[in-house]
Protein backbone atom coordinates (compact mmCIF):
# COMPACT_ATOMS: atom_id res chain seq x y z
CA MET A 1 -41.22 218.12 127.97
CA TYR A 2 -40.76 216.79 124.06
CA ASP A 3 -43.62 214.71 123.33
CA GLY A 4 -42.15 212.33 120.67
CA ASN A 5 -38.57 213.59 120.40
CA GLY A 6 -37.49 210.84 121.71
CA PHE A 7 -37.33 211.82 125.55
CA LYS A 8 -38.59 209.42 128.29
CA ARG A 9 -40.71 211.04 130.58
CA ARG A 10 -44.20 211.39 129.66
CA LEU A 11 -46.95 213.54 130.10
CA SER A 12 -48.57 213.97 133.56
CA PRO A 13 -52.43 213.03 133.89
CA GLU A 14 -52.42 216.71 134.62
CA GLN A 15 -50.70 218.00 131.87
CA THR A 16 -52.63 215.66 129.17
CA ASP A 17 -56.10 216.74 130.36
CA VAL A 18 -54.80 220.58 129.92
CA LEU A 19 -53.68 220.08 126.11
CA GLU A 20 -57.05 217.98 125.42
CA LYS A 21 -59.27 220.64 126.79
CA MET A 22 -57.19 223.38 124.82
CA ALA A 23 -57.45 221.21 121.82
CA ALA A 24 -60.72 220.95 121.77
CA GLU A 25 -61.52 224.83 122.15
CA VAL A 26 -59.24 225.31 118.99
CA ARG A 27 -61.30 222.48 117.24
CA SER A 28 -64.92 224.67 118.13
CA PRO A 29 -66.74 225.58 115.25
CA LYS A 30 -67.19 228.97 117.19
CA HIS A 31 -64.11 229.80 116.35
CA LYS A 32 -63.05 230.79 112.33
CA ALA A 33 -59.26 231.83 113.04
CA VAL A 34 -56.78 231.42 115.86
CA SER A 35 -54.40 233.65 116.81
CA PHE A 36 -50.93 233.08 118.51
CA LYS A 37 -48.52 235.12 120.22
CA MET A 38 -45.17 234.18 119.39
CA GLN A 39 -43.32 234.66 122.54
CA ASP A 40 -43.66 232.12 125.26
CA ALA A 41 -46.69 230.43 123.62
CA LEU A 42 -45.09 229.13 119.94
CA VAL A 43 -41.49 229.85 120.39
CA ILE A 44 -39.27 229.60 123.84
CA THR A 45 -35.64 229.69 124.97
CA PRO A 46 -33.23 227.36 127.42
CA PHE A 47 -32.63 230.15 129.49
CA SER A 48 -34.26 231.21 132.75
CA GLU A 49 -32.35 234.52 132.95
CA GLU A 50 -33.16 237.89 130.74
CA CYS A 51 -29.36 237.82 130.91
CA ASP A 52 -28.41 234.97 129.18
CA LEU A 53 -28.46 235.34 125.82
CA PHE A 54 -25.83 238.32 126.12
CA LEU A 55 -23.75 236.64 128.69
CA PHE A 56 -22.84 234.41 125.57
CA MET A 57 -21.79 237.50 123.87
CA GLU A 58 -19.01 238.83 126.20
CA ASP A 59 -16.14 237.13 124.33
CA GLU A 60 -17.44 238.95 121.04
CA TYR A 61 -18.07 242.20 122.97
CA SER A 62 -14.06 241.53 124.14
CA PHE A 63 -12.68 242.90 120.41
CA PHE A 64 -14.87 246.10 120.60
CA LYS A 65 -14.42 246.85 124.51
CA THR A 66 -13.74 250.38 125.35
CA GLY A 67 -14.76 250.41 129.13
CA LYS A 68 -14.97 248.65 132.17
CA LYS A 69 -18.71 247.70 131.88
CA SER A 70 -19.63 244.24 130.52
CA PHE A 71 -21.58 243.81 127.72
CA THR A 72 -24.20 242.55 129.18
CA GLU A 73 -24.62 245.70 131.66
CA LEU A 74 -24.27 247.90 128.58
CA ARG A 75 -27.22 246.12 126.52
CA LEU A 76 -29.68 245.45 129.19
CA ALA A 77 -28.92 249.61 130.08
CA ALA A 78 -29.66 250.10 126.36
CA GLN A 79 -33.02 248.40 126.26
CA GLU A 80 -34.29 249.94 129.66
CA ALA A 81 -33.24 253.27 128.06
CA ALA A 82 -35.23 252.09 124.84
CA LEU A 83 -37.97 251.33 126.43
CA LYS A 84 -38.23 254.58 128.30
CA LYS A 85 -37.73 256.58 124.89
CA CYS A 86 -40.67 254.76 123.36
CA GLU A 87 -42.68 254.53 126.33
CA VAL A 88 -44.17 250.89 125.49
CA TYR A 89 -42.10 247.82 124.92
CA PRO A 90 -43.92 246.98 121.44
CA ARG A 91 -42.23 249.94 119.75
CA VAL A 92 -38.27 249.26 120.81
CA THR A 93 -36.65 247.69 118.10
CA LEU A 94 -33.04 246.17 118.10
CA GLU A 95 -32.06 249.05 115.74
CA LEU A 96 -32.67 251.82 118.83
CA ILE A 97 -31.37 249.35 121.27
CA TYR A 98 -28.17 249.38 119.60
CA GLY A 99 -28.06 252.78 118.67
CA ILE A 100 -28.14 253.69 122.32
CA PHE A 101 -26.05 250.98 123.40
CA ALA A 102 -23.32 252.59 120.58
CA LYS A 103 -23.38 255.54 122.35
CA LEU A 104 -22.84 253.76 125.97
CA SER A 105 -20.01 251.88 124.87
CA GLY A 106 -18.08 254.08 122.71
CA ILE A 107 -17.89 251.19 119.90
CA SER A 108 -17.90 251.77 115.95
CA PRO A 109 -20.41 251.49 113.63
CA GLU A 110 -18.83 248.30 112.25
CA GLY A 111 -18.75 246.76 116.01
CA ARG A 112 -22.41 247.84 116.62
CA GLU A 113 -23.22 246.03 113.30
CA ARG A 114 -21.34 242.95 114.26
CA LEU A 115 -22.85 242.67 117.59
CA MET A 116 -26.36 243.34 116.28
CA ARG A 117 -25.89 240.60 113.60
CA ARG A 118 -24.36 238.01 116.02
CA GLU A 119 -27.21 238.51 118.64
CA CYS A 120 -29.55 237.73 115.64
CA GLU A 121 -27.78 234.95 115.14
CA LEU A 122 -27.64 233.47 118.76
CA ILE A 123 -31.42 233.95 119.30
CA SER A 124 -32.00 231.76 115.91
CA TYR A 125 -30.02 229.20 117.15
CA PHE A 126 -31.20 228.96 120.58
CA SER A 127 -35.23 229.48 120.03
CA PHE A 128 -37.00 226.24 119.72
CA PRO A 129 -40.81 225.46 119.46
CA ARG A 130 -42.87 224.87 122.81
CA GLU A 131 -44.36 221.57 122.07
CA CYS A 132 -47.74 222.59 123.67
CA GLY A 133 -48.05 225.29 121.48
CA LYS A 134 -47.14 223.61 118.24
CA ALA A 135 -49.71 220.85 118.91
CA LEU A 136 -52.34 223.53 119.24
CA PHE A 137 -50.87 225.30 116.11
CA ARG A 138 -51.29 222.10 114.13
CA GLU A 139 -54.74 221.69 115.63
CA ALA A 140 -56.03 224.85 114.30
CA LYS A 141 -54.17 223.95 110.73
CA ALA A 142 -55.75 220.80 110.74
CA ASN A 143 -59.24 221.85 111.48
CA LYS A 144 -58.73 225.02 108.86
CA LYS A 145 -58.53 227.44 111.03
CA ARG A 146 -56.94 230.60 109.80
CA THR A 147 -53.49 231.33 111.67
CA VAL A 148 -52.28 234.71 113.16
CA ILE A 149 -48.94 235.09 114.47
CA ILE A 150 -48.38 238.02 116.89
CA SER A 151 -44.76 238.33 117.63
CA GLU A 152 -43.69 241.58 120.00
CA SER A 153 -40.09 240.81 119.12
CA VAL A 154 -37.49 243.57 118.96
CA TYR A 155 -35.43 241.80 116.63
CA PRO A 156 -36.52 242.61 112.66
CA ARG A 157 -39.35 240.50 110.52
CA ASP A 158 -36.38 238.45 108.74
CA VAL A 159 -34.95 237.41 111.96
CA VAL A 160 -38.59 236.55 113.34
CA GLU A 161 -39.72 234.80 110.04
CA ASN A 162 -36.59 232.80 110.49
CA ILE A 163 -37.25 231.40 113.72
CA LEU A 164 -40.95 230.73 113.17
CA GLU A 165 -39.64 228.54 109.97
CA ASN A 166 -36.96 226.72 112.07
CA CYS A 167 -39.49 225.96 114.73
CA GLY A 168 -42.10 224.39 112.28
CA TYR A 169 -44.56 227.32 111.79
CA GLY A 170 -43.72 228.41 108.10
CA SER A 171 -47.45 227.33 107.17
CA TYR A 172 -49.16 230.56 109.35
CA ASP A 173 -51.28 232.87 107.55
CA GLU A 174 -50.47 236.22 108.71
CA LEU A 175 -47.48 237.25 110.66
CA VAL A 176 -48.15 240.74 113.05
CA MET A 177 -45.06 242.72 113.93
CA VAL A 178 -46.15 244.94 116.90
CA SER A 179 -42.97 246.99 116.06
CA GLU A 180 -44.19 247.68 112.76
CA ILE A 181 -47.58 248.79 113.85
CA LYS A 182 -47.52 252.62 113.94
CA ASN A 183 -48.06 254.44 116.89
CA CYS A 184 -48.87 251.37 118.51
CA THR A 185 -49.94 251.15 122.56
CA ALA A 186 -49.54 247.94 124.64
CA GLU A 187 -53.17 247.21 123.24
CA SER A 188 -53.57 248.13 119.69
CA TRP A 189 -51.78 244.89 118.41
CA TYR A 190 -55.03 243.38 119.03
CA GLY A 191 -56.83 245.35 116.37
CA ALA A 192 -54.36 244.21 113.82
CA ALA A 193 -54.68 240.43 115.14
CA VAL A 194 -58.49 240.87 114.51
CA SER A 195 -57.97 242.42 110.85
CA CYS A 196 -55.46 239.77 109.91
CA SER A 197 -57.76 237.00 111.04
CA GLY A 198 -60.22 237.87 108.53
CA THR A 199 -63.11 237.35 110.82
CA GLU A 200 -64.58 239.45 113.77
CA ALA A 201 -63.62 239.38 116.90
CA GLY A 202 -66.26 236.90 118.94
CA LYS A 203 -64.92 234.33 116.34
CA LEU A 204 -61.44 234.61 116.97
CA LEU A 205 -59.63 232.66 119.30
CA HIS A 206 -56.38 233.98 121.10
CA ILE A 207 -53.69 231.83 123.17
CA GLY A 208 -51.10 233.51 124.73
CA SER A 209 -48.79 233.93 127.67
CA SER A 210 -49.70 236.90 129.74
CA VAL A 211 -53.04 237.47 131.70
CA ALA A 212 -53.17 241.25 131.32
CA PHE A 213 -52.80 241.20 127.34
CA ASP A 214 -53.37 237.87 126.11
CA ILE A 215 -56.73 236.99 128.19
CA GLU A 216 -58.16 240.20 129.87
CA LEU A 217 -57.69 242.41 126.74
CA PRO A 218 -59.12 239.78 123.82
CA ILE A 219 -62.10 239.07 126.43
CA VAL A 220 -62.66 242.85 126.67
CA LYS A 221 -62.57 242.92 122.68
CA GLY A 222 -65.42 240.16 122.41
CA SER A 223 -62.95 236.96 121.90
CA LYS A 224 -62.47 234.40 123.54
CA ALA A 225 -58.61 233.37 125.14
CA LEU A 226 -56.76 230.47 126.45
CA LEU A 227 -53.64 231.23 128.76
CA LEU A 228 -50.60 229.24 127.85
CA ALA A 229 -48.09 230.56 131.04
CA PRO A 230 -44.63 231.12 130.65
CA VAL A 231 -42.33 227.85 131.14
CA CYS A 232 -40.24 229.86 133.95
CA GLN A 233 -43.14 231.25 135.67
CA LEU A 234 -44.61 228.01 136.10
CA MET A 235 -41.73 226.73 137.20
CA GLU A 236 -40.80 229.11 139.73
CA LYS A 237 -44.24 228.42 141.28
CA SER A 238 -43.98 224.68 141.39
CA GLY A 239 -41.54 224.63 144.49
CA ARG A 240 -38.90 226.19 146.35
CA ILE A 241 -35.93 225.45 144.50
CA LEU A 242 -35.55 228.64 142.17
CA GLY A 243 -35.80 230.95 145.17
CA TYR A 244 -33.05 228.59 147.08
CA ILE A 245 -30.62 228.92 144.53
CA ARG A 246 -31.21 232.35 144.18
CA LYS A 247 -30.85 233.35 147.50
CA LYS A 248 -27.47 231.42 147.70
CA HIS A 249 -26.46 233.97 145.02
CA LEU A 250 -28.49 237.03 145.60
CA TYR A 251 -25.56 239.60 144.76
CA ASP A 252 -23.76 237.80 141.64
CA TYR A 253 -26.40 235.24 140.05
CA ASP A 254 -26.49 237.15 137.28
CA SER A 255 -22.41 236.90 136.45
CA THR A 256 -20.85 234.60 133.87
CA LYS A 257 -19.89 232.00 136.16
CA TYR A 258 -23.44 230.80 136.94
CA LEU A 259 -24.70 230.79 133.29
CA THR A 260 -24.54 227.06 133.35
CA LEU A 261 -26.55 227.01 136.17
CA HIS A 262 -29.17 229.49 134.45
CA CYS A 263 -29.46 227.19 131.75
CA ALA A 264 -29.90 224.01 133.65
CA LEU A 265 -32.81 225.79 135.04
CA GLY A 266 -33.92 226.84 131.59
CA LEU A 267 -34.29 223.33 130.43
CA TYR A 268 -35.80 222.28 133.03
CA ALA A 269 -38.71 224.70 132.55
CA ALA A 270 -39.15 223.48 129.12
CA TYR A 271 -38.67 220.06 130.17
CA GLY A 272 -41.30 219.97 133.13
CA PHE A 273 -43.52 222.74 132.08
CA ASP A 274 -43.80 222.77 128.22
CA TYR A 275 -47.05 221.28 128.81
CA PRO A 276 -48.56 223.51 131.79
CA GLN A 277 -48.93 221.78 135.43
CA ASN A 278 -49.51 222.89 138.95
CA ARG A 279 -47.35 222.45 141.93
CA LYS A 280 -48.09 219.08 143.73
CA ALA A 281 -48.45 219.32 147.48
CA LEU A 282 -45.20 218.54 149.69
CA SER A 283 -43.19 218.43 146.74
CA ASP A 284 -41.18 220.52 144.56
CA PHE A 285 -40.86 218.81 141.44
CA CYS A 286 -44.43 218.12 141.19
CA GLY A 287 -44.13 214.50 142.42
CA ASP A 288 -42.15 213.14 139.14
CA GLY A 289 -39.27 211.19 139.16
CA CYS A 290 -37.93 212.05 135.94
CA MET A 291 -38.15 216.05 136.88
CA LEU A 292 -35.87 215.06 140.28
CA GLY A 293 -33.48 213.21 138.13
CA PHE A 294 -33.06 215.90 135.45
CA LEU A 295 -31.82 218.22 138.18
CA ALA A 296 -30.29 216.10 140.83
CA ALA A 297 -28.98 213.33 138.75
CA GLY A 298 -28.32 215.46 135.45
CA ALA A 299 -27.69 218.98 135.92
CA ALA A 300 -26.03 218.31 139.25
CA GLY A 301 -23.40 215.94 137.57
CA LEU A 302 -22.24 219.29 135.95
CA ASP A 303 -20.44 220.13 139.32
CA MET A 304 -17.73 218.07 139.94
CA ARG A 305 -17.44 219.16 143.69
CA SER A 306 -21.52 218.06 144.11
CA ALA A 307 -20.45 214.47 145.14
CA VAL A 308 -17.99 214.88 147.65
CA ASN A 309 -19.59 217.72 149.16
CA GLY A 310 -22.52 217.81 152.06
CA ARG A 311 -23.18 215.56 154.99
CA LYS A 312 -23.50 211.65 155.52
CA ILE A 313 -26.73 211.72 153.90
CA ARG A 314 -25.64 212.85 150.25
CA PRO A 315 -23.75 209.19 149.44
CA LEU A 316 -27.07 207.66 149.92
CA ILE A 317 -29.06 210.19 148.04
CA ILE A 318 -26.33 209.60 145.23
CA GLN A 319 -26.87 205.88 145.07
CA ALA A 320 -30.57 205.96 144.99
CA LEU A 321 -30.10 208.43 141.95
CA LYS A 322 -28.16 206.11 140.44
CA SER A 323 -30.95 202.84 140.89
CA ASP A 324 -34.47 204.06 140.27
CA GLU A 325 -35.39 203.95 136.60
CA ARG A 326 -37.29 207.24 137.14
CA PHE A 327 -34.15 209.05 138.31
CA LEU A 328 -32.10 207.85 135.57
CA ASP A 329 -34.78 208.43 132.78
CA GLY A 330 -34.64 212.05 134.15
CA LEU A 331 -30.89 211.98 133.96
CA ASP A 332 -30.91 210.59 130.12
CA ASP A 333 -33.10 213.10 129.45
CA PHE A 334 -31.21 215.82 130.67
CA ARG A 335 -28.46 214.70 128.82
CA LYS A 336 -29.98 214.69 125.65
CA MET A 337 -31.35 217.93 125.97
CA LEU A 338 -28.20 219.84 127.00
CA ASP A 339 -26.95 218.48 123.72
CA ASP A 340 -29.36 219.36 121.88
CA HIS A 341 -29.68 222.71 122.69
CA PHE A 342 -26.10 223.55 123.58
CA GLY A 343 -23.69 221.11 122.33
CA GLU A 344 -20.38 222.36 123.00
CA ASN A 345 -21.40 225.94 123.75
CA LEU A 346 -21.09 225.27 127.50
CA GLU A 347 -17.98 223.62 127.80
CA LYS A 348 -16.15 226.42 128.66
CA TYR A 349 -18.12 227.68 131.22
CA CYS A 350 -17.72 225.70 134.39
CA GLY A 351 -21.04 224.06 136.30
CA GLU A 352 -20.46 226.10 139.33
CA GLY A 353 -23.71 226.40 141.52
CA CYS A 354 -25.26 222.89 140.01
CA GLY A 355 -24.43 220.80 142.67
CA GLU A 356 -26.53 223.11 144.71
CA PHE A 357 -29.72 220.83 143.49
CA LEU A 358 -27.95 218.02 145.39
CA ASP A 359 -27.44 220.46 148.39
CA PHE A 360 -31.33 221.15 148.27
CA LEU A 361 -32.26 217.74 148.41
CA GLU A 362 -30.32 216.68 151.44
CA GLU A 363 -31.17 219.76 153.24
CA CYS A 364 -34.74 220.82 152.41
CA CYS A 365 -36.19 217.49 150.46
CA ALA A 366 -39.90 217.80 150.84
CA SER A 367 -41.72 214.86 152.44
CA GLY A 368 -43.44 213.80 148.59
CA ASP A 369 -40.16 213.79 147.31
CA ARG A 370 -38.52 211.84 150.15
CA GLU A 371 -40.83 209.32 149.37
CA LEU A 372 -39.50 208.48 145.95
CA PHE A 373 -36.40 207.34 147.64
CA ARG A 374 -38.41 205.14 150.52
CA PRO A 375 -37.00 201.73 148.27
CA TYR A 376 -33.54 202.71 148.88
CA PHE A 377 -33.30 204.26 152.15
CA SER A 378 -33.51 202.05 155.77
CA THR A 379 -36.61 203.04 157.75
CA ASP A 380 -33.88 204.75 160.21
CA ALA A 381 -31.96 206.69 157.58
CA LEU A 382 -35.32 207.90 156.21
CA LYS A 383 -36.14 209.28 159.53
CA LYS A 384 -32.93 210.72 160.10
CA TRP A 385 -33.04 212.53 156.98
CA ALA A 386 -36.43 213.77 157.64
CA SER A 387 -35.48 214.77 160.89
CA SER A 388 -32.55 216.88 159.64
CA VAL A 389 -34.51 218.52 156.54
CA LYS A 390 -35.40 222.68 157.12
CA GLU A 391 -37.42 225.05 155.37
CA PRO A 392 -34.95 226.94 152.71
CA GLU A 393 -34.38 230.46 152.75
CA VAL A 394 -35.75 231.70 149.37
CA VAL A 395 -36.16 235.03 147.70
CA PRO A 396 -38.74 235.49 144.80
CA PHE A 397 -37.49 234.93 141.29
CA SER A 398 -36.66 237.99 139.45
CA GLY A 399 -34.21 239.71 136.97
CA LYS A 400 -33.76 242.48 139.32
CA LYS A 401 -31.73 242.25 142.39
CA GLN A 402 -34.42 244.72 144.40
CA LYS A 403 -37.42 243.15 145.89
CA LYS A 404 -40.59 245.38 144.70
CA SER A 405 -42.90 246.74 147.70
CA ALA A 406 -46.90 246.52 147.58
CA LEU A 407 -47.18 249.99 146.22
CA ASP A 408 -44.46 248.83 143.16
CA ARG A 409 -46.44 246.15 142.52
CA LEU A 410 -49.74 247.44 142.23
CA ALA A 411 -48.00 249.98 140.16
CA ASP A 412 -46.93 247.46 137.46
CA LYS A 413 -50.03 245.86 137.40
CA MET A 414 -52.49 249.26 136.81
CA PHE A 415 -49.44 251.26 134.49
CA PRO A 416 -47.19 249.52 132.30
CA PRO A 417 -43.41 250.28 133.08
CA GLY A 418 -42.23 253.10 131.15
CA THR A 419 -45.28 254.91 129.87
CA LYS A 420 -45.87 258.81 131.11
CA VAL A 421 -48.92 257.77 133.25
CA ARG A 422 -46.14 255.32 134.65
CA ASN A 423 -43.39 257.91 135.31
CA ILE A 424 -45.84 260.02 137.08
CA THR A 425 -46.99 257.42 139.36
CA ASP A 426 -43.07 256.71 140.03
CA GLY A 427 -43.08 259.93 141.22
CA ILE A 428 -46.17 259.71 143.62
CA ILE A 429 -44.96 256.21 145.10
CA ALA A 430 -41.45 258.02 145.70
CA LYS A 431 -43.04 260.53 147.66
CA LEU A 432 -45.07 258.03 149.65
CA HIS A 433 -41.75 256.07 150.07
CA LYS A 434 -39.91 258.96 151.63
CA HIS A 435 -42.84 259.90 153.82
CA THR A 436 -43.09 256.37 155.18
CA ASP A 437 -39.26 256.48 155.85
CA ASN A 438 -39.91 259.67 158.04
């Protein structure tokens, strides 16, 4: 949701209340400084999958390709190897990733440099401000709080500074690049944040997106902290649509042919959850007609087959989407947002899979969302629709194809992946799995 940027959807009362409460905390005289995590809290991208940015680089890589593996496969493998080498993510840099990438791919030093520059260009182009975070940042500046931004990005300082400037955060007082902290750990960035704030921890308010590292850690250190959960995480929890889509494409969802579908979901996450809101009972779209129209009237239109597929109820749904002002506002907002963030960059990619937003409505529409269609359906048609809907098969939203066990999830929570302690833990878990299988 972009407040004041020409979008027709307005904030829900819940979103307005969240913003007012967070802003009041920022204004509090108890806090002399405010620190912000850059990623997810201040700056976001229009993507729903980690691989999306890399999929845009496949054409560039084709000029240097020496093997069968795609750029995306090699780039993700290089990042994973860099994490294992550094033990903790904050130490990982783009330079290190591409050093490993060059060894995996066999490309020339010139090709490596060109691809690295291209990735920096793309992340700068696609990054945009999270309006809720920006509102809180402005609140801090208006109340003369010292502002510190913490970046855990793999990108170099000049790229991060350029992103912050383009997103309207150029007036910050200090920028902490976690990767520049000598011998940094998953926690050591907070000491640097306190030091740069010019005050003691008890007078520093921190705003970030991770419960463990942006809420629990600052509180343990004596600060107050506010959570601004990632937009994609909020989207995941808002309903069943994401799990439904991923179930449909369990084995090839990370392929280029679904890039437009990924991006539509990424835009939806920013549109509906920039300002946090919770799931609404009996609804997969937070009871919001604009949000429903954004996907079902807007994104679904990118798949030319969406209007002709489906059962007899499909024409009635489509007619309603063309008749209701809220649905049409969502359609207009989708078109504007798509043009703002992608322009012509998605034209060569098909809209395959986007029609499944209509499939979801037809097959699995929750009762609260069906109520939005009541003015356009006869009583008999509405009853037939209600009798035909079913609970969708869903899979958890995850960049990994394999579902983690309870032991794996516990290990993720207790020991960050890639650390020496986690490696030992993984060995223990493997033995436990083996014992269980036997």
